[in-house]
Amino acid sequence: DLVLVEVEGTYRAMLEALLTGDRRALLRLTHSARRQLVPDPLLPLPADEAGQYIFCRPTRPLLRTQEDEITYLVVCEAAGERAEQVFTLRRDRDGVWRIIP
């Protein structure tokens, strides 16, 4: 089953692709059923927005919506403030867990 260290790796790889505008990398991380949602061209995140994400990390599974799909809580903490968002992964046809945007 999926372990948190793998989820963190996928999350960091997604951020790196978004920060650099690396569409090919983001496509590899995105579930095959959702790749059409990846913008073309993929523009890098603006610096002010990108800076917010360095304080974020996936923490724990929130919900297993189906056998091959898990939603994680991502916690962002900086300057005494806390924000939460969700990060969903689904096992693709080839067995690899990929992002569901």
PDB file of N, CA and C in Angstrom:
ATOM      1  N   ASP A   1       0.848  -1.186   0.000  1.00  0.00           N
ATOM      2  CA  ASP A   1       0.000   0.000   0.000  1.00  0.00           C
ATOM      3  C   ASP A   1       0.892   1.247   0.000  1.00  0.00           C
ATOM      4  N   LEU A   2       0.303   2.366  -0.252  1.00  0.00           N
ATOM      5  CA  LEU A   2       1.010   3.637  -0.355  1.00  0.00           C
ATOM      6  C   LEU A   2       1.477   4.094   1.025  1.00  0.00           C
ATOM      7  N   VAL A   3       2.739   4.490   1.140  1.00  0.00           N
ATOM      8  CA  VAL A   3       3.261   4.987   2.406  1.00  0.00           C
ATOM      9  C   VAL A   3       3.480   6.489   2.309  1.00  0.00           C
ATOM     10  N   LEU A   4       3.464   7.143   3.465  1.00  0.00           N
ATOM     11  CA  LEU A   4       3.521   8.606   3.495  1.00  0.00           C
ATOM     12  C   LEU A   4       4.776   9.154   2.820  1.00  0.00           C
ATOM     13  N   VAL A   5       5.896   8.477   2.944  1.00  0.00           N
ATOM     14  CA  VAL A   5       7.122   8.967   2.309  1.00  0.00           C
ATOM     15  C   VAL A   5       6.967   9.017   0.784  1.00  0.00           C
ATOM     16  N   GLU A   6       6.241   8.079   0.210  1.00  0.00           N
ATOM     17  CA  GLU A   6       5.984   8.104  -1.236  1.00  0.00           C
ATOM     18  C   GLU A   6       5.046   9.260  -1.591  1.00  0.00           C
ATOM     19  N   VAL A   7       4.051   9.481  -0.751  1.00  0.00           N
ATOM     20  CA  VAL A   7       3.120  10.586  -0.972  1.00  0.00           C
ATOM     21  C   VAL A   7       3.869  11.909  -0.919  1.00  0.00           C
ATOM     22  N   GLU A   8       4.748  12.053   0.069  1.00  0.00           N
ATOM     23  CA  GLU A   8       5.542  13.276   0.177  1.00  0.00           C
ATOM     24  C   GLU A   8       6.420  13.463  -1.056  1.00  0.00           C
ATOM     25  N   GLY A   9       7.016  12.391  -1.551  1.00  0.00           N
ATOM     26  CA  GLY A   9       7.842  12.471  -2.755  1.00  0.00           C
ATOM     27  C   GLY A   9       7.050  12.920  -3.966  1.00  0.00           C
ATOM     28  N   THR A  10       5.859  12.368  -4.115  1.00  0.00           N
ATOM     29  CA  THR A  10       4.993  12.748  -5.231  1.00  0.00           C
ATOM     30  C   THR A  10       4.567  14.206  -5.102  1.00  0.00           C
ATOM     31  N   TYR A  11       4.237  14.616  -3.884  1.00  0.00           N
ATOM     32  CA  TYR A  11       3.828  15.999  -3.645  1.00  0.00           C
ATOM     33  C   TYR A  11       4.963  16.957  -3.990  1.00  0.00           C
ATOM     34  N   ARG A  12       6.173  16.655  -3.529  1.00  0.00           N
ATOM     35  CA  ARG A  12       7.345  17.504  -3.810  1.00  0.00           C
ATOM     36  C   ARG A  12       7.653  17.546  -5.311  1.00  0.00           C
ATOM     37  N   ALA A  13       7.529  16.408  -5.980  1.00  0.00           N
ATOM     38  CA  ALA A  13       7.767  16.365  -7.432  1.00  0.00           C
ATOM     39  C   ALA A  13       6.729  17.209  -8.163  1.00  0.00           C
ATOM     40  N   MET A  14       5.477  17.176  -7.688  1.00  0.00           N
ATOM     41  CA  MET A  14       4.427  17.998  -8.286  1.00  0.00           C
ATOM     42  C   MET A  14       4.759  19.476  -8.103  1.00  0.00           C
ATOM     43  N   LEU A  15       5.175  19.848  -6.892  1.00  0.00           N
ATOM     44  CA  LEU A  15       5.530  21.248  -6.638  1.00  0.00           C
ATOM     45  C   LEU A  15       6.680  21.691  -7.524  1.00  0.00           C
ATOM     46  N   GLU A  16       7.691  20.848  -7.657  1.00  0.00           N
ATOM     47  CA  GLU A  16       8.842  21.182  -8.504  1.00  0.00           C
ATOM     48  C   GLU A  16       8.395  21.418  -9.950  1.00  0.00           C
ATOM     49  N   ALA A  17       7.510  20.562 -10.447  1.00  0.00           N
ATOM     50  CA  ALA A  17       7.006  20.724 -11.814  1.00  0.00           C
ATOM     51  C   ALA A  17       6.215  22.022 -11.948  1.00  0.00           C
ATOM     52  N   LEU A  18       5.418  22.345 -10.930  1.00  0.00           N
ATOM     53  CA  LEU A  18       4.639  23.588 -10.971  1.00  0.00           C
ATOM     54  C   LEU A  18       5.538  24.817 -10.864  1.00  0.00           C
ATOM     55  N   LEU A  19       6.567  24.715 -10.037  1.00  0.00           N
ATOM     56  CA  LEU A  19       7.475  25.850  -9.848  1.00  0.00           C
ATOM     57  C   LEU A  19       8.260  26.164 -11.111  1.00  0.00           C
ATOM     58  N   THR A  20       8.615  25.130 -11.835  1.00  0.00           N
ATOM     59  CA  THR A  20       9.444  25.318 -13.027  1.00  0.00           C
ATOM     60  C   THR A  20       8.642  25.337 -14.328  1.00  0.00           C
ATOM     61  N   GLY A  21       7.342  25.039 -14.242  1.00  0.00           N
ATOM     62  CA  GLY A  21       6.525  24.981 -15.451  1.00  0.00           C
ATOM     63  C   GLY A  21       6.841  23.766 -16.302  1.00  0.00           C
ATOM     64  N   ASP A  22       7.278  22.683 -15.666  1.00  0.00           N
ATOM     65  CA  ASP A  22       7.661  21.457 -16.368  1.00  0.00           C
ATOM     66  C   ASP A  22       6.421  20.596 -16.629  1.00  0.00           C
ATOM     67  N   ARG A  23       5.788  20.841 -17.753  1.00  0.00           N
ATOM     68  CA  ARG A  23       4.552  20.138 -18.097  1.00  0.00           C
ATOM     69  C   ARG A  23       4.762  18.635 -18.252  1.00  0.00           C
ATOM     70  N   ARG A  24       5.862  18.249 -18.867  1.00  0.00           N
ATOM     71  CA  ARG A  24       6.117  16.816 -19.066  1.00  0.00           C
ATOM     72  C   ARG A  24       6.217  16.085 -17.727  1.00  0.00           C
ATOM     73  N   ALA A  25       6.898  16.687 -16.775  1.00  0.00           N
ATOM     74  CA  ALA A  25       7.013  16.076 -15.444  1.00  0.00           C
ATOM     75  C   ALA A  25       5.649  15.996 -14.775  1.00  0.00           C
ATOM     76  N   LEU A  26       4.857  17.049 -14.890  1.00  0.00           N
ATOM     77  CA  LEU A  26       3.530  17.049 -14.282  1.00  0.00           C
ATOM     78  C   LEU A  26       2.628  16.013 -14.941  1.00  0.00           C
ATOM     79  N   LEU A  27       2.735  15.847 -16.243  1.00  0.00           N
ATOM     80  CA  LEU A  27       1.947  14.823 -16.931  1.00  0.00           C
ATOM     81  C   LEU A  27       2.292  13.424 -16.414  1.00  0.00           C
ATOM     82  N   ARG A  28       3.570  13.162 -16.147  1.00  0.00           N
ATOM     83  CA  ARG A  28       3.972  11.845 -15.621  1.00  0.00           C
ATOM     84  C   ARG A  28       3.400  11.594 -14.232  1.00  0.00           C
ATOM     85  N   LEU A  29       3.169  12.654 -13.479  1.00  0.00           N
ATOM     86  CA  LEU A  29       2.650  12.537 -12.118  1.00  0.00           C
ATOM     87  C   LEU A  29       1.127  12.504 -12.052  1.00  0.00           C
ATOM     88  N   THR A  30       0.479  12.897 -13.138  1.00  0.00           N
ATOM     89  CA  THR A  30      -0.976  13.031 -13.172  1.00  0.00           C
ATOM     90  C   THR A  30      -1.621  11.747 -13.687  1.00  0.00           C
ATOM     91  N   HIS A  31      -2.716  11.360 -13.048  1.00  0.00           N
ATOM     92  CA  HIS A  31      -3.450  10.156 -13.443  1.00  0.00           C
ATOM     93  C   HIS A  31      -3.852  10.248 -14.917  1.00  0.00           C
ATOM     94  N   SER A  32      -3.753   9.141 -15.625  1.00  0.00           N
ATOM     95  CA  SER A  32      -4.020   9.130 -17.068  1.00  0.00           C
ATOM     96  C   SER A  32      -5.416   9.641 -17.414  1.00  0.00           C
ATOM     97  N   ALA A  33      -6.385   9.431 -16.529  1.00  0.00           N
ATOM     98  CA  ALA A  33      -7.748   9.895 -16.795  1.00  0.00           C
ATOM     99  C   ALA A  33      -7.896  11.403 -16.634  1.00  0.00           C
ATOM    100  N   ARG A  34      -6.880  12.077 -16.098  1.00  0.00           N
ATOM    101  CA  ARG A  34      -6.979  13.515 -15.839  1.00  0.00           C
ATOM    102  C   ARG A  34      -5.909  14.345 -16.538  1.00  0.00           C
ATOM    103  N   ARG A  35      -5.100  13.740 -17.356  1.00  0.00           N
ATOM    104  CA  ARG A  35      -3.995  14.479 -17.985  1.00  0.00           C
ATOM    105  C   ARG A  35      -4.475  15.623 -18.865  1.00  0.00           C
ATOM    106  N   GLN A  36      -5.672  15.521 -19.398  1.00  0.00           N
ATOM    107  CA  GLN A  36      -6.189  16.596 -20.247  1.00  0.00           C
ATOM    108  C   GLN A  36      -6.403  17.881 -19.453  1.00  0.00           C
ATOM    109  N   LEU A  37      -6.381  17.800 -18.127  1.00  0.00           N
ATOM    110  CA  LEU A  37      -6.573  18.978 -17.280  1.00  0.00           C
ATOM    111  C   LEU A  37      -5.282  19.777 -17.069  1.00  0.00           C
ATOM    112  N   VAL A  38      -4.149  19.200 -17.461  1.00  0.00           N
ATOM    113  CA  VAL A  38      -2.867  19.889 -17.290  1.00  0.00           C
ATOM    114  C   VAL A  38      -2.743  20.952 -18.380  1.00  0.00           C
ATOM    115  N   PRO A  39      -2.594  22.210 -17.992  1.00  0.00           N
ATOM    116  CA  PRO A  39      -2.541  23.298 -18.978  1.00  0.00           C
ATOM    117  C   PRO A  39      -1.363  23.157 -19.949  1.00  0.00           C
ATOM    118  N   ASP A  40      -1.597  23.610 -21.170  1.00  0.00           N
ATOM    119  CA  ASP A  40      -0.545  23.618 -22.183  1.00  0.00           C
ATOM    120  C   ASP A  40      -0.561  24.992 -22.849  1.00  0.00           C
ATOM    121  N   PRO A  41       0.412  25.816 -22.626  1.00  0.00           N
ATOM    122  CA  PRO A  41       1.632  25.569 -21.862  1.00  0.00           C
ATOM    123  C   PRO A  41       1.372  25.684 -20.357  1.00  0.00           C
ATOM    124  N   LEU A  42       2.237  25.045 -19.585  1.00  0.00           N
ATOM    125  CA  LEU A  42       2.185  25.133 -18.135  1.00  0.00           C
ATOM    126  C   LEU A  42       3.161  26.225 -17.710  1.00  0.00           C
ATOM    127  N   LEU A  43       2.627  27.304 -17.207  1.00  0.00           N
ATOM    128  CA  LEU A  43       3.473  28.418 -16.771  1.00  0.00           C
ATOM    129  C   LEU A  43       3.951  28.175 -15.345  1.00  0.00           C
ATOM    130  N   PRO A  44       5.188  28.554 -15.039  1.00  0.00           N
ATOM    131  CA  PRO A  44       5.670  28.418 -13.653  1.00  0.00           C
ATOM    132  C   PRO A  44       4.811  29.235 -12.706  1.00  0.00           C
ATOM    133  N   LEU A  45       4.669  28.740 -11.481  1.00  0.00           N
ATOM    134  CA  LEU A  45       3.942  29.502 -10.474  1.00  0.00           C
ATOM    135  C   LEU A  45       4.653  30.820 -10.213  1.00  0.00           C
ATOM    136  N   PRO A  46       3.900  31.890  -9.999  1.00  0.00           N
ATOM    137  CA  PRO A  46       4.534  33.151  -9.613  1.00  0.00           C
ATOM    138  C   PRO A  46       5.300  32.973  -8.302  1.00  0.00           C
ATOM    139  N   ALA A  47       6.390  33.688  -8.136  1.00  0.00           N
ATOM    140  CA  ALA A  47       7.271  33.519  -6.979  1.00  0.00           C
ATOM    141  C   ALA A  47       6.539  33.665  -5.646  1.00  0.00           C
ATOM    142  N   ASP A  48       5.626  34.632  -5.536  1.00  0.00           N
ATOM    143  CA  ASP A  48       4.923  34.821  -4.264  1.00  0.00           C
ATOM    144  C   ASP A  48       4.037  33.625  -3.931  1.00  0.00           C
ATOM    145  N   GLU A  49       3.401  33.060  -4.922  1.00  0.00           N
ATOM    146  CA  GLU A  49       2.562  31.878  -4.705  1.00  0.00           C
ATOM    147  C   GLU A  49       3.421  30.652  -4.427  1.00  0.00           C
ATOM    148  N   ALA A  50       4.500  30.505  -5.163  1.00  0.00           N
ATOM    149  CA  ALA A  50       5.391  29.358  -4.996  1.00  0.00           C
ATOM    150  C   ALA A  50       5.975  29.326  -3.587  1.00  0.00           C
ATOM    151  N   GLY A  51       6.322  30.485  -3.054  1.00  0.00           N
ATOM    152  CA  GLY A  51       6.905  30.553  -1.721  1.00  0.00           C
ATOM    153  C   GLY A  51       6.005  30.016  -0.632  1.00  0.00           C
ATOM    154  N   GLN A  52       4.716  30.064  -0.841  1.00  0.00           N
ATOM    155  CA  GLN A  52       3.769  29.559   0.145  1.00  0.00           C
ATOM    156  C   GLN A  52       3.839  28.039   0.277  1.00  0.00           C
ATOM    157  N   TYR A  53       4.157  27.359  -0.802  1.00  0.00           N
ATOM    158  CA  TYR A  53       4.109  25.904  -0.810  1.00  0.00           C
ATOM    159  C   TYR A  53       5.285  25.233  -0.117  1.00  0.00           C
ATOM    160  N   ILE A  54       6.369  25.971   0.122  1.00  0.00           N
ATOM    161  CA  ILE A  54       7.504  25.331   0.790  1.00  0.00           C
ATOM    162  C   ILE A  54       7.180  24.988   2.240  1.00  0.00           C
ATOM    163  N   PHE A  55       6.116  25.558   2.765  1.00  0.00           N
ATOM    164  CA  PHE A  55       5.709  25.289   4.143  1.00  0.00           C
ATOM    165  C   PHE A  55       4.610  24.225   4.229  1.00  0.00           C
ATOM    166  N   CYS A  56       4.366  23.519   3.132  1.00  0.00           N
ATOM    167  CA  CYS A  56       3.283  22.534   3.078  1.00  0.00           C
ATOM    168  C   CYS A  56       3.843  21.115   3.020  1.00  0.00           C
ATOM    169  N   ARG A  57       3.117  20.192   3.649  1.00  0.00           N
ATOM    170  CA  ARG A  57       3.491  18.787   3.534  1.00  0.00           C
ATOM    171  C   ARG A  57       2.272  17.909   3.791  1.00  0.00           C
ATOM    172  N   PRO A  58       2.195  16.795   3.077  1.00  0.00           N
ATOM    173  CA  PRO A  58       1.118  15.835   3.342  1.00  0.00           C
ATOM    174  C   PRO A  58       1.320  15.233   4.726  1.00  0.00           C
ATOM    175  N   THR A  59       0.236  14.989   5.433  1.00  0.00           N
ATOM    176  CA  THR A  59       0.365  14.458   6.781  1.00  0.00           C
ATOM    177  C   THR A  59      -0.214  13.052   6.931  1.00  0.00           C
ATOM    178  N   ARG A  60      -1.471  12.902   6.711  1.00  0.00           N
ATOM    179  CA  ARG A  60      -2.081  11.593   6.954  1.00  0.00           C
ATOM    180  C   ARG A  60      -3.229  11.373   5.984  1.00  0.00           C
ATOM    181  N   PRO A  61      -3.555  10.113   5.757  1.00  0.00           N
ATOM    182  CA  PRO A  61      -4.726   9.851   4.903  1.00  0.00           C
ATOM    183  C   PRO A  61      -5.984  10.371   5.589  1.00  0.00           C
ATOM    184  N   LEU A  62      -6.774  11.083   4.842  1.00  0.00           N
ATOM    185  CA  LEU A  62      -8.054  11.569   5.346  1.00  0.00           C
ATOM    186  C   LEU A  62      -9.163  10.592   5.034  1.00  0.00           C
ATOM    187  N   LEU A  63      -9.120  10.087   3.827  1.00  0.00           N
ATOM    188  CA  LEU A  63     -10.252   9.340   3.323  1.00  0.00           C
ATOM    189  C   LEU A  63      -9.801   8.386   2.231  1.00  0.00           C
ATOM    190  N   ARG A  64     -10.252   7.175   2.325  1.00  0.00           N
ATOM    191  CA  ARG A  64     -10.036   6.230   1.230  1.00  0.00           C
ATOM    192  C   ARG A  64     -11.375   6.160   0.508  1.00  0.00           C
ATOM    193  N   THR A  65     -11.480   6.874  -0.601  1.00  0.00           N
ATOM    194  CA  THR A  65     -12.759   7.000  -1.284  1.00  0.00           C
ATOM    195  C   THR A  65     -13.125   5.745  -2.066  1.00  0.00           C
ATOM    196  N   GLN A  66     -12.125   5.009  -2.490  1.00  0.00           N
ATOM    197  CA  GLN A  66     -12.330   3.729  -3.146  1.00  0.00           C
ATOM    198  C   GLN A  66     -11.056   2.918  -2.964  1.00  0.00           C
ATOM    199  N   GLU A  67     -11.056   1.682  -3.396  1.00  0.00           N
ATOM    200  CA  GLU A  67      -9.911   0.805  -3.185  1.00  0.00           C
ATOM    201  C   GLU A  67      -8.610   1.422  -3.680  1.00  0.00           C
ATOM    202  N   ASP A  68      -8.648   2.098  -4.809  1.00  0.00           N
ATOM    203  CA  ASP A  68      -7.438   2.625  -5.422  1.00  0.00           C
ATOM    204  C   ASP A  68      -7.364   4.145  -5.407  1.00  0.00           C
ATOM    205  N   GLU A  69      -7.978   4.775  -4.411  1.00  0.00           N
ATOM    206  CA  GLU A  69      -7.926   6.235  -4.325  1.00  0.00           C
ATOM    207  C   GLU A  69      -7.856   6.652  -2.863  1.00  0.00           C
ATOM    208  N   ILE A  70      -6.884   7.532  -2.552  1.00  0.00           N
ATOM    209  CA  ILE A  70      -6.702   8.006  -1.185  1.00  0.00           C
ATOM    210  C   ILE A  70      -6.529   9.521  -1.213  1.00  0.00           C
ATOM    211  N   THR A  71      -7.213  10.194  -0.299  1.00  0.00           N
ATOM    212  CA  THR A  71      -7.082  11.634  -0.141  1.00  0.00           C
ATOM    213  C   THR A  71      -6.301  11.914   1.131  1.00  0.00           C
ATOM    214  N   TYR A  72      -5.274  12.751   1.009  1.00  0.00           N
ATOM    215  CA  TYR A  72      -4.415  13.111   2.137  1.00  0.00           C
ATOM    216  C   TYR A  72      -4.661  14.548   2.548  1.00  0.00           C
ATOM    217  N   LEU A  73      -4.439  14.811   3.820  1.00  0.00           N
ATOM    218  CA  LEU A  73      -4.471  16.173   4.340  1.00  0.00           C
ATOM    219  C   LEU A  73      -3.087  16.774   4.149  1.00  0.00           C
ATOM    220  N   VAL A  74      -3.027  17.951   3.530  1.00  0.00           N
ATOM    221  CA  VAL A  74      -1.777  18.692   3.384  1.00  0.00           C
ATOM    222  C   VAL A  74      -1.873  19.887   4.326  1.00  0.00           C
ATOM    223  N   VAL A  75      -0.889  20.000   5.210  1.00  0.00           N
ATOM    224  CA  VAL A  75      -0.864  21.080   6.190  1.00  0.00           C
ATOM    225  C   VAL A  75       0.227  22.072   5.805  1.00  0.00           C
ATOM    226  N   CYS A  76      -0.144  23.343   5.797  1.00  0.00           N
ATOM    227  CA  CYS A  76       0.788  24.425   5.499  1.00  0.00           C
ATOM    228  C   CYS A  76       0.856  25.309   6.739  1.00  0.00           C
ATOM    229  N   GLU A  77       2.068  25.439   7.306  1.00  0.00           N
ATOM    230  CA  GLU A  77       2.234  26.241   8.514  1.00  0.00           C
ATOM    231  C   GLU A  77       3.408  27.201   8.347  1.00  0.00           C
ATOM    232  N   ALA A  78       3.148  28.478   8.591  1.00  0.00           N
ATOM    233  CA  ALA A  78       4.198  29.492   8.515  1.00  0.00           C
ATOM    234  C   ALA A  78       3.734  30.732   9.266  1.00  0.00           C
ATOM    235  N   ALA A  79       4.661  31.373   9.938  1.00  0.00           N
ATOM    236  CA  ALA A  79       4.393  32.634  10.640  1.00  0.00           C
ATOM    237  C   ALA A  79       3.184  32.535  11.560  1.00  0.00           C
ATOM    238  N   GLY A  80       3.043  31.397  12.229  1.00  0.00           N
ATOM    239  CA  GLY A  80       1.949  31.221  13.169  1.00  0.00           C
ATOM    240  C   GLY A  80       0.593  30.971  12.541  1.00  0.00           C
ATOM    241  N   GLU A  81       0.553  30.831  11.232  1.00  0.00           N
ATOM    242  CA  GLU A  81      -0.710  30.559  10.554  1.00  0.00           C
ATOM    243  C   GLU A  81      -0.712  29.139  10.023  1.00  0.00           C
ATOM    244  N   ARG A  82      -1.900  28.583   9.891  1.00  0.00           N
ATOM    245  CA  ARG A  82      -2.046  27.221   9.414  1.00  0.00           C
ATOM    246  C   ARG A  82      -3.156  27.174   8.361  1.00  0.00           C
ATOM    247  N   ALA A  83      -2.872  26.476   7.284  1.00  0.00           N
ATOM    248  CA  ALA A  83      -3.880  26.260   6.241  1.00  0.00           C
ATOM    249  C   ALA A  83      -3.858  24.776   5.904  1.00  0.00           C
ATOM    250  N   GLU A  84      -4.981  24.272   5.468  1.00  0.00           N
ATOM    251  CA  GLU A  84      -5.082  22.871   5.094  1.00  0.00           C
ATOM    252  C   GLU A  84      -5.679  22.757   3.706  1.00  0.00           C
ATOM    253  N   GLN A  85      -5.238  21.749   2.988  1.00  0.00           N
ATOM    254  CA  GLN A  85      -5.800  21.450   1.681  1.00  0.00           C
ATOM    255  C   GLN A  85      -5.762  19.938   1.514  1.00  0.00           C
ATOM    256  N   VAL A  86      -6.356  19.452   0.460  1.00  0.00           N
ATOM    257  CA  VAL A  86      -6.349  18.011   0.221  1.00  0.00           C
ATOM    258  C   VAL A  86      -5.519  17.690  -1.017  1.00  0.00           C
ATOM    259  N   PHE A  87      -5.023  16.469  -1.037  1.00  0.00           N
ATOM    260  CA  PHE A  87      -4.162  15.973  -2.105  1.00  0.00           C
ATOM    261  C   PHE A  87      -4.610  14.548  -2.368  1.00  0.00           C
ATOM    262  N   THR A  88      -5.142  14.293  -3.558  1.00  0.00           N
ATOM    263  CA  THR A  88      -5.714  12.982  -3.857  1.00  0.00           C
ATOM    264  C   THR A  88      -4.858  12.228  -4.860  1.00  0.00           C
ATOM    265  N   LEU A  89      -4.640  10.963  -4.555  1.00  0.00           N
ATOM    266  CA  LEU A  89      -3.883  10.068  -5.424  1.00  0.00           C
ATOM    267  C   LEU A  89      -4.757   8.870  -5.776  1.00  0.00           C
ATOM    268  N   ARG A  90      -4.608   8.424  -7.013  1.00  0.00           N
ATOM    269  CA  ARG A  90      -5.341   7.232  -7.473  1.00  0.00           C
ATOM    270  C   ARG A  90      -4.362   6.318  -8.194  1.00  0.00           C
ATOM    271  N   ARG A  91      -4.509   5.020  -7.936  1.00  0.00           N
ATOM    272  CA  ARG A  91      -3.662   4.050  -8.630  1.00  0.00           C
ATOM    273  C   ARG A  91      -4.078   4.001 -10.095  1.00  0.00           C
ATOM    274  N   ASP A  92      -3.102   4.170 -10.981  1.00  0.00           N
ATOM    275  CA  ASP A  92      -3.352   4.176 -12.418  1.00  0.00           C
ATOM    276  C   ASP A  92      -3.338   2.739 -12.959  1.00  0.00           C
ATOM    277  N   ARG A  93      -3.624   2.595 -14.234  1.00  0.00           N
ATOM    278  CA  ARG A  93      -3.693   1.255 -14.865  1.00  0.00           C
ATOM    279  C   ARG A  93      -2.388   0.477 -14.738  1.00  0.00           C
ATOM    280  N   ASP A  94      -1.263   1.205 -14.679  1.00  0.00           N
ATOM    281  CA  ASP A  94       0.032   0.531 -14.582  1.00  0.00           C
ATOM    282  C   ASP A  94       0.443   0.269 -13.130  1.00  0.00           C
ATOM    283  N   GLY A  95      -0.440   0.563 -12.176  1.00  0.00           N
ATOM    284  CA  GLY A  95      -0.159   0.296 -10.769  1.00  0.00           C
ATOM    285  C   GLY A  95       0.499   1.446 -10.023  1.00  0.00           C
ATOM    286  N   VAL A  96       0.862   2.519 -10.719  1.00  0.00           N
ATOM    287  CA  VAL A  96       1.523   3.668 -10.085  1.00  0.00           C
ATOM    288  C   VAL A  96       0.458   4.612  -9.540  1.00  0.00           C
ATOM    289  N   TRP A  97       0.722   5.110  -8.317  1.00  0.00           N
ATOM    290  CA  TRP A  97      -0.175   6.096  -7.720  1.00  0.00           C
ATOM    291  C   TRP A  97       0.121   7.454  -8.323  1.00  0.00           C
ATOM    292  N   ARG A  98      -0.943   8.107  -8.839  1.00  0.00           N
ATOM    293  CA  ARG A  98      -0.763   9.400  -9.492  1.00  0.00           C
ATOM    294  C   ARG A  98      -1.789  10.396  -8.981  1.00  0.00           C
ATOM    295  N   ILE A  99      -1.493  11.639  -9.208  1.00  0.00           N
ATOM    296  CA  ILE A  99      -2.301  12.761  -8.723  1.00  0.00           C
ATOM    297  C   ILE A  99      -3.634  12.843  -9.469  1.00  0.00           C
ATOM    298  N   ILE A 100      -4.659  13.160  -8.712  1.00  0.00           N
ATOM    299  CA  ILE A 100      -5.980  13.480  -9.271  1.00  0.00           C
ATOM    300  C   ILE A 100      -6.184  14.978  -9.055  1.00  0.00           C
ATOM    301  N   PRO A 101      -5.992  15.789 -10.103  1.00  0.00           N
ATOM    302  CA  PRO A 101      -6.165  17.239  -9.916  1.00  0.00           C
ATOM    303  C   PRO A 101      -7.632  17.608  -9.734  1.00  0.00           C
TER     304      PRO A 101
END
